Amino acid sequence: MWYKDSSRYSKRRYGNRRLGNGRNSILMVSARASDRNKQRMHRVGAIVLMTVVLVGASWLALEGAQFIGQRLFSQNDRFLIERLSVSSDGRLHTDHVREYAHVEEGMNLFALDLQRLRDDLEVMPIVESVEVKRVLPDTLEVRIRERVARARLGDESTGYPLAMDHEGVVLGPSSVSPHLPYIAGFRKSGLRPGVRVEDPSVKSALEVLALCDSPQFSRFIKVFKVDVSHPDYLDLRLQKGERVLLSRNDVQSKLSDLCDIIRHSADMGQAVAAVDMTVDRNFPVKYR
């Protein structure tokens, strides 16, 4: 019995020892994990602190640069506008620029937003492009390219056609000239200055008018009116009364053929009344 008791005592003792070693290992692992967490928190804190410092330094640098820039440029009386130089290839004057761009003498050159100034001027329907430049120390240069009216567009029955440039931008009644060719047959409400007409028929008519204005064709083809109401062809009326039905394909080649027909007819002492150019070749011609 002593042996058995001793054996149980021995097992209990050794069993407790193993249990004690396990608890110590758990405590050591927990301590290491705690240390790692603390190190991780320190690193995160350092990163956050560094980020805050960098952001603060950047903000201070930016504010400082803006302050210095204002003192040296936008708040410097040396750069006040004393001369507003405006030039245009059309009818716009300095007063129009002052009104639309909200600029005048006495303003600071560097306090002006040049892009906004360009945008304000290009809102005007007649303006195609604007170039703005500072000329130090006291001059603002504005160079304007205006749109040129190429045709009249509108309902002929109303008597109030609108002018249009080569890109289809409506310019308004003030740009209308009775000498401009007339584009008829286009029915769309809401036309107003500044609107760009994207209708394919009108674009075709403008293309024909541009070609007829070129030196190659202008001697023989002078367009008075273009009717775009037919979906397959353009109905041209020339200034001498000739009627030309012109298909919308291969336009330049057919205009060249039309020049040859008119020239040859004049050489023969005949006046052309009508030409059907809706076919590809052998165009029917009527004479007066």
Protein backbone atom coordinates (compact mmCIF):
# COMPACT_ATOMS: atom_id res chain seq x y z
CA MET A 1 0.00 0.00 0.00
CA TRP A 2 2.84 2.34 0.67
CA TYR A 3 4.14 1.67 -2.79
CA LYS A 4 0.77 2.37 -4.38
CA ASP A 5 0.29 5.53 -2.35
CA SER A 6 3.74 6.65 -3.26
CA SER A 7 3.03 5.97 -6.90
CA ARG A 8 -0.18 8.01 -6.84
CA TYR A 9 1.59 10.80 -5.07
CA SER A 10 4.36 10.72 -7.62
CA LYS A 11 1.90 10.86 -10.54
CA ARG A 12 0.00 13.71 -8.95
CA ARG A 13 3.21 15.62 -8.38
CA TYR A 14 4.43 15.17 -11.90
CA GLY A 15 1.00 15.90 -13.31
CA ASN A 16 0.84 19.23 -11.47
CA ARG A 17 4.29 20.07 -12.75
CA ARG A 18 3.17 19.60 -16.35
CA LEU A 19 0.09 21.74 -15.71
CA GLY A 20 2.24 24.48 -14.24
CA ASN A 21 4.55 24.46 -17.27
CA GLY A 22 1.50 24.84 -19.60
CA ARG A 23 0.24 27.84 -17.70
CA ASN A 24 3.66 29.45 -17.86
CA SER A 25 3.76 28.92 -21.65
CA ILE A 26 0.33 30.48 -22.06
CA LEU A 27 1.41 33.47 -20.00
CA MET A 28 4.58 33.87 -22.08
CA VAL A 29 2.62 33.71 -25.37
CA SER A 30 0.15 36.24 -24.03
CA ALA A 31 2.99 38.54 -23.03
CA ARG A 32 4.58 38.28 -26.47
CA ALA A 33 1.23 39.01 -28.17
CA SER A 34 0.74 42.00 -25.91
CA ASP A 35 4.20 43.26 -26.79
CA ARG A 36 3.50 42.84 -30.49
CA ASN A 37 0.21 44.72 -30.15
CA LYS A 38 1.96 47.53 -28.34
CA GLN A 39 4.65 47.71 -31.05
CA ARG A 40 1.98 47.72 -33.76
CA MET A 41 0.11 50.51 -32.01
CA HIS A 42 3.32 52.49 -31.70
CA ARG A 43 3.99 52.10 -35.43
CA VAL A 44 0.42 53.11 -36.33
CA GLY A 45 0.64 56.10 -34.05
CA ALA A 46 3.96 57.13 -35.59
CA ILE A 47 2.51 56.85 -39.10
CA VAL A 48 -0.57 58.88 -38.17
CA LEU A 49 1.59 61.52 -36.51
CA MET A 50 3.89 61.71 -39.54
CA THR A 51 0.89 62.03 -41.86
CA VAL A 52 -0.57 64.85 -39.78
CA VAL A 53 2.79 66.63 -39.74
CA LEU A 54 3.20 66.29 -43.52
CA VAL A 55 -0.35 67.50 -44.21
CA GLY A 56 0.11 70.41 -41.87
CA ALA A 57 3.44 71.32 -43.45
CA SER A 58 1.95 71.11 -46.94
CA TRP A 59 -0.98 73.31 -45.93
CA LEU A 60 1.33 75.85 -44.38
CA ALA A 61 3.54 75.83 -47.48
CA LEU A 62 0.53 76.31 -49.75
CA GLU A 63 -0.90 79.10 -47.64
CA GLY A 64 2.49 80.72 -47.51
CA ALA A 65 2.92 80.49 -51.27
CA GLN A 66 -0.54 81.97 -51.83
CA PHE A 67 0.18 84.77 -49.41
CA ILE A 68 3.48 85.57 -51.09
CA GLY A 69 1.86 85.32 -54.54
CA GLN A 70 -0.86 87.74 -53.53
CA ARG A 71 1.64 90.20 -52.15
CA LEU A 72 3.90 89.97 -55.21
CA PHE A 73 1.25 89.76 -57.95
CA SER A 74 -2.53 89.85 -57.41
CA GLN A 75 -2.36 92.56 -54.71
CA ASN A 76 0.50 94.47 -56.24
CA ASP A 77 -0.48 97.89 -57.58
CA ARG A 78 2.32 97.67 -60.13
CA PHE A 79 0.19 95.23 -62.17
CA LEU A 80 -3.01 97.27 -62.38
CA ILE A 81 -4.50 97.44 -65.89
CA GLU A 82 -3.86 100.80 -67.48
CA ARG A 83 -4.40 99.71 -71.09
CA LEU A 84 -7.03 97.33 -72.42
CA SER A 85 -6.03 96.37 -75.96
CA VAL A 86 -8.89 94.78 -77.89
CA SER A 87 -8.79 93.74 -81.53
CA SER A 88 -11.36 91.85 -83.60
CA ASP A 89 -11.58 90.82 -87.23
CA GLY A 90 -15.23 91.86 -87.25
CA ARG A 91 -17.50 94.39 -85.63
CA LEU A 92 -16.93 93.89 -81.90
CA HIS A 93 -15.55 96.87 -80.00
CA THR A 94 -13.87 97.39 -76.66
CA ASP A 95 -17.19 98.28 -75.03
CA HIS A 96 -18.62 94.87 -75.93
CA VAL A 97 -15.61 93.19 -74.34
CA ARG A 98 -15.97 95.24 -71.17
CA GLU A 99 -19.66 94.31 -70.93
CA TYR A 100 -19.36 90.57 -71.50
CA ALA A 101 -15.99 89.90 -69.86
CA HIS A 102 -16.56 92.24 -66.87
CA VAL A 103 -13.09 93.74 -67.20
CA GLU A 104 -11.92 97.33 -67.08
CA GLU A 105 -8.91 99.50 -66.36
CA GLY A 106 -7.78 99.54 -62.73
CA MET A 107 -8.22 95.80 -62.20
CA ASN A 108 -5.19 93.69 -61.33
CA LEU A 109 -3.78 91.60 -64.17
CA PHE A 110 -3.08 88.59 -61.95
CA ALA A 111 -6.41 88.79 -60.14
CA LEU A 112 -8.15 88.03 -63.45
CA ASP A 113 -9.10 84.45 -64.33
CA LEU A 114 -8.12 84.39 -68.01
CA GLN A 115 -9.96 81.14 -68.75
CA ARG A 116 -13.17 82.52 -67.28
CA LEU A 117 -12.70 85.71 -69.28
CA ARG A 118 -12.38 83.66 -72.49
CA ASP A 119 -15.48 81.63 -71.60
CA ASP A 120 -17.49 84.78 -70.93
CA LEU A 121 -16.61 86.21 -74.34
CA GLU A 122 -17.19 82.96 -76.25
CA VAL A 123 -20.77 82.95 -74.95
CA MET A 124 -21.45 85.63 -77.55
CA PRO A 125 -22.85 83.89 -80.65
CA ILE A 126 -20.75 85.97 -83.00
CA VAL A 127 -17.45 85.01 -81.32
CA GLU A 128 -15.64 81.97 -82.69
CA SER A 129 -12.43 82.09 -80.65
CA VAL A 130 -10.68 84.33 -78.12
CA GLU A 131 -7.04 84.79 -77.17
CA VAL A 132 -6.20 86.63 -73.95
CA LYS A 133 -2.69 87.60 -72.87
CA ARG A 134 -1.08 89.60 -70.06
CA VAL A 135 1.55 92.08 -71.19
CA LEU A 136 3.42 93.17 -68.08
CA PRO A 137 3.26 95.40 -66.27
CA ASP A 138 -0.10 97.04 -67.13
CA THR A 139 -1.66 95.79 -70.39
CA LEU A 140 -4.31 93.16 -71.12
CA GLU A 141 -4.54 92.04 -74.75
CA VAL A 142 -7.73 90.46 -76.11
CA ARG A 143 -7.77 89.08 -79.66
CA ILE A 144 -11.16 87.99 -81.02
CA ARG A 145 -12.01 85.99 -84.11
CA GLU A 146 -15.61 86.45 -85.15
CA ARG A 147 -17.91 84.07 -86.98
CA VAL A 148 -18.71 85.02 -90.57
CA ALA A 149 -22.24 84.68 -91.90
CA ARG A 150 -22.39 82.28 -94.86
CA ALA A 151 -26.11 81.81 -95.38
CA ARG A 152 -29.60 82.80 -94.31
CA LEU A 153 -31.81 80.27 -92.58
CA GLY A 154 -35.44 80.36 -91.50
CA ASP A 155 -38.99 80.34 -92.69
CA GLU A 156 -39.02 82.47 -95.83
CA SER A 157 -42.69 83.36 -95.31
CA THR A 158 -41.97 85.16 -92.03
CA GLY A 159 -39.46 87.56 -93.55
CA TYR A 160 -37.11 87.21 -90.57
CA PRO A 161 -34.34 84.80 -91.54
CA LEU A 162 -31.36 84.23 -89.27
CA ALA A 163 -27.72 84.27 -90.31
CA MET A 164 -25.58 81.15 -90.05
CA ASP A 165 -21.83 80.55 -90.29
CA HIS A 166 -20.03 77.69 -92.06
CA GLU A 167 -20.31 75.46 -88.95
CA GLY A 168 -24.08 75.86 -88.71
CA VAL A 169 -24.01 78.26 -85.74
CA VAL A 170 -26.93 80.69 -85.76
CA LEU A 171 -25.72 84.29 -85.52
CA GLY A 172 -28.88 86.31 -85.38
CA PRO A 173 -30.74 88.81 -87.57
CA SER A 174 -28.13 91.56 -87.18
CA SER A 175 -25.68 89.53 -89.29
CA VAL A 176 -28.16 88.89 -92.10
CA SER A 177 -27.36 90.32 -95.52
CA PRO A 178 -29.72 90.11 -98.50
CA HIS A 179 -26.74 89.01 -100.59
CA LEU A 180 -26.30 85.79 -98.61
CA PRO A 181 -27.64 82.56 -100.17
CA TYR A 182 -30.86 81.32 -98.62
CA ILE A 183 -31.34 77.83 -97.12
CA ALA A 184 -35.02 76.94 -97.37
CA GLY A 185 -37.08 73.91 -96.47
CA PHE A 186 -35.68 73.47 -92.97
CA ARG A 187 -38.46 73.29 -90.42
CA LYS A 188 -37.43 73.51 -86.81
CA SER A 189 -38.73 75.75 -84.05
CA GLY A 190 -36.65 77.29 -81.31
CA LEU A 191 -33.82 78.59 -83.48
CA ARG A 192 -31.95 81.37 -81.70
CA PRO A 193 -28.49 82.94 -81.79
CA GLY A 194 -25.81 80.61 -80.47
CA VAL A 195 -27.58 77.36 -81.42
CA ARG A 196 -25.62 74.97 -83.65
CA VAL A 197 -27.83 73.31 -86.28
CA GLU A 198 -26.85 69.64 -86.62
CA ASP A 199 -29.37 68.69 -89.30
CA PRO A 200 -27.60 66.64 -92.08
CA SER A 201 -29.52 68.45 -94.83
CA VAL A 202 -28.37 71.86 -93.60
CA LYS A 203 -24.80 70.59 -93.28
CA SER A 204 -24.93 69.35 -96.89
CA ALA A 205 -26.18 72.76 -98.03
CA LEU A 206 -23.38 74.54 -96.17
CA GLU A 207 -20.84 72.21 -97.74
CA VAL A 208 -22.15 73.03 -101.22
CA LEU A 209 -22.11 76.77 -100.49
CA ALA A 210 -18.53 76.57 -99.22
CA LEU A 211 -17.43 74.78 -102.40
CA CYS A 212 -19.27 77.28 -104.59
CA ASP A 213 -17.42 80.13 -102.85
CA SER A 214 -14.05 78.62 -103.73
CA PRO A 215 -12.09 80.03 -106.70
CA GLN A 216 -12.57 76.76 -108.58
CA PHE A 217 -16.36 77.17 -108.85
CA SER A 218 -17.30 80.76 -107.95
CA ARG A 219 -16.85 82.07 -111.49
CA PHE A 220 -19.67 79.93 -112.90
CA ILE A 221 -21.81 78.90 -109.92
CA LYS A 222 -23.44 81.61 -107.84
CA VAL A 223 -26.07 80.13 -105.56
CA PHE A 224 -29.12 82.17 -104.64
CA LYS A 225 -31.13 79.52 -102.79
CA VAL A 226 -30.80 75.93 -101.58
CA ASP A 227 -33.94 73.95 -100.76
CA VAL A 228 -33.19 71.07 -98.38
CA SER A 229 -36.73 69.73 -98.03
CA HIS A 230 -36.19 66.69 -100.28
CA PRO A 231 -34.46 63.79 -98.48
CA ASP A 232 -32.48 62.59 -101.52
CA TYR A 233 -31.16 65.74 -103.18
CA LEU A 234 -30.64 69.49 -102.85
CA ASP A 235 -32.63 71.87 -105.03
CA LEU A 236 -30.33 74.73 -106.05
CA ARG A 237 -31.41 77.97 -107.65
CA LEU A 238 -28.59 79.97 -109.17
CA GLN A 239 -28.56 83.75 -109.50
CA LYS A 240 -29.36 83.66 -113.23
CA GLY A 241 -32.37 81.47 -112.62
CA GLU A 242 -30.85 78.07 -113.36
CA ARG A 243 -32.29 75.16 -111.38
CA VAL A 244 -29.96 72.33 -110.38
CA LEU A 245 -31.09 69.12 -108.69
CA LEU A 246 -27.93 67.93 -106.92
CA SER A 247 -27.61 64.56 -105.21
CA ARG A 248 -25.69 64.52 -101.94
CA ASN A 249 -23.00 62.09 -103.01
CA ASP A 250 -19.82 63.02 -104.90
CA VAL A 251 -20.77 66.70 -104.65
CA GLN A 252 -17.43 68.22 -105.63
CA SER A 253 -17.14 66.18 -108.81
CA LYS A 254 -20.68 67.05 -109.87
CA LEU A 255 -20.12 70.75 -109.24
CA SER A 256 -17.09 70.52 -111.48
CA ASP A 257 -19.27 68.94 -114.18
CA LEU A 258 -21.84 71.70 -113.68
CA CYS A 259 -19.16 74.32 -114.33
CA ASP A 260 -18.28 72.54 -117.57
CA ILE A 261 -21.95 72.44 -118.63
CA ILE A 262 -22.49 76.16 -117.95
CA ARG A 263 -19.23 77.16 -119.66
CA HIS A 264 -19.86 74.98 -122.69
CA SER A 265 -23.44 76.27 -123.01
CA ALA A 266 -22.21 79.87 -122.88
CA ASP A 267 -19.67 79.12 -125.60
CA MET A 268 -22.51 77.71 -127.72
CA GLY A 269 -24.65 80.80 -127.07
CA GLN A 270 -27.18 78.89 -125.00
CA ALA A 271 -28.54 79.59 -121.51
CA VAL A 272 -29.06 76.70 -119.12
CA ALA A 273 -32.52 76.47 -117.56
CA ALA A 274 -32.22 73.26 -115.52
CA VAL A 275 -29.79 70.41 -114.87
CA ASP A 276 -30.69 67.09 -113.26
CA MET A 277 -27.62 65.86 -111.37
CA THR A 278 -29.40 63.25 -109.30
CA VAL A 279 -27.98 60.60 -111.64
CA ASP A 280 -24.35 59.52 -111.79
CA ARG A 281 -23.61 60.54 -115.42
CA ASN A 282 -25.19 61.87 -118.64
CA PHE A 283 -26.99 64.65 -116.79
CA PRO A 284 -30.20 65.86 -118.52
CA VAL A 285 -29.96 69.55 -119.39
CA LYS A 286 -32.76 71.93 -120.36
CA TYR A 287 -32.08 75.21 -122.16
CA ARG A 288 -34.10 78.39 -122.34
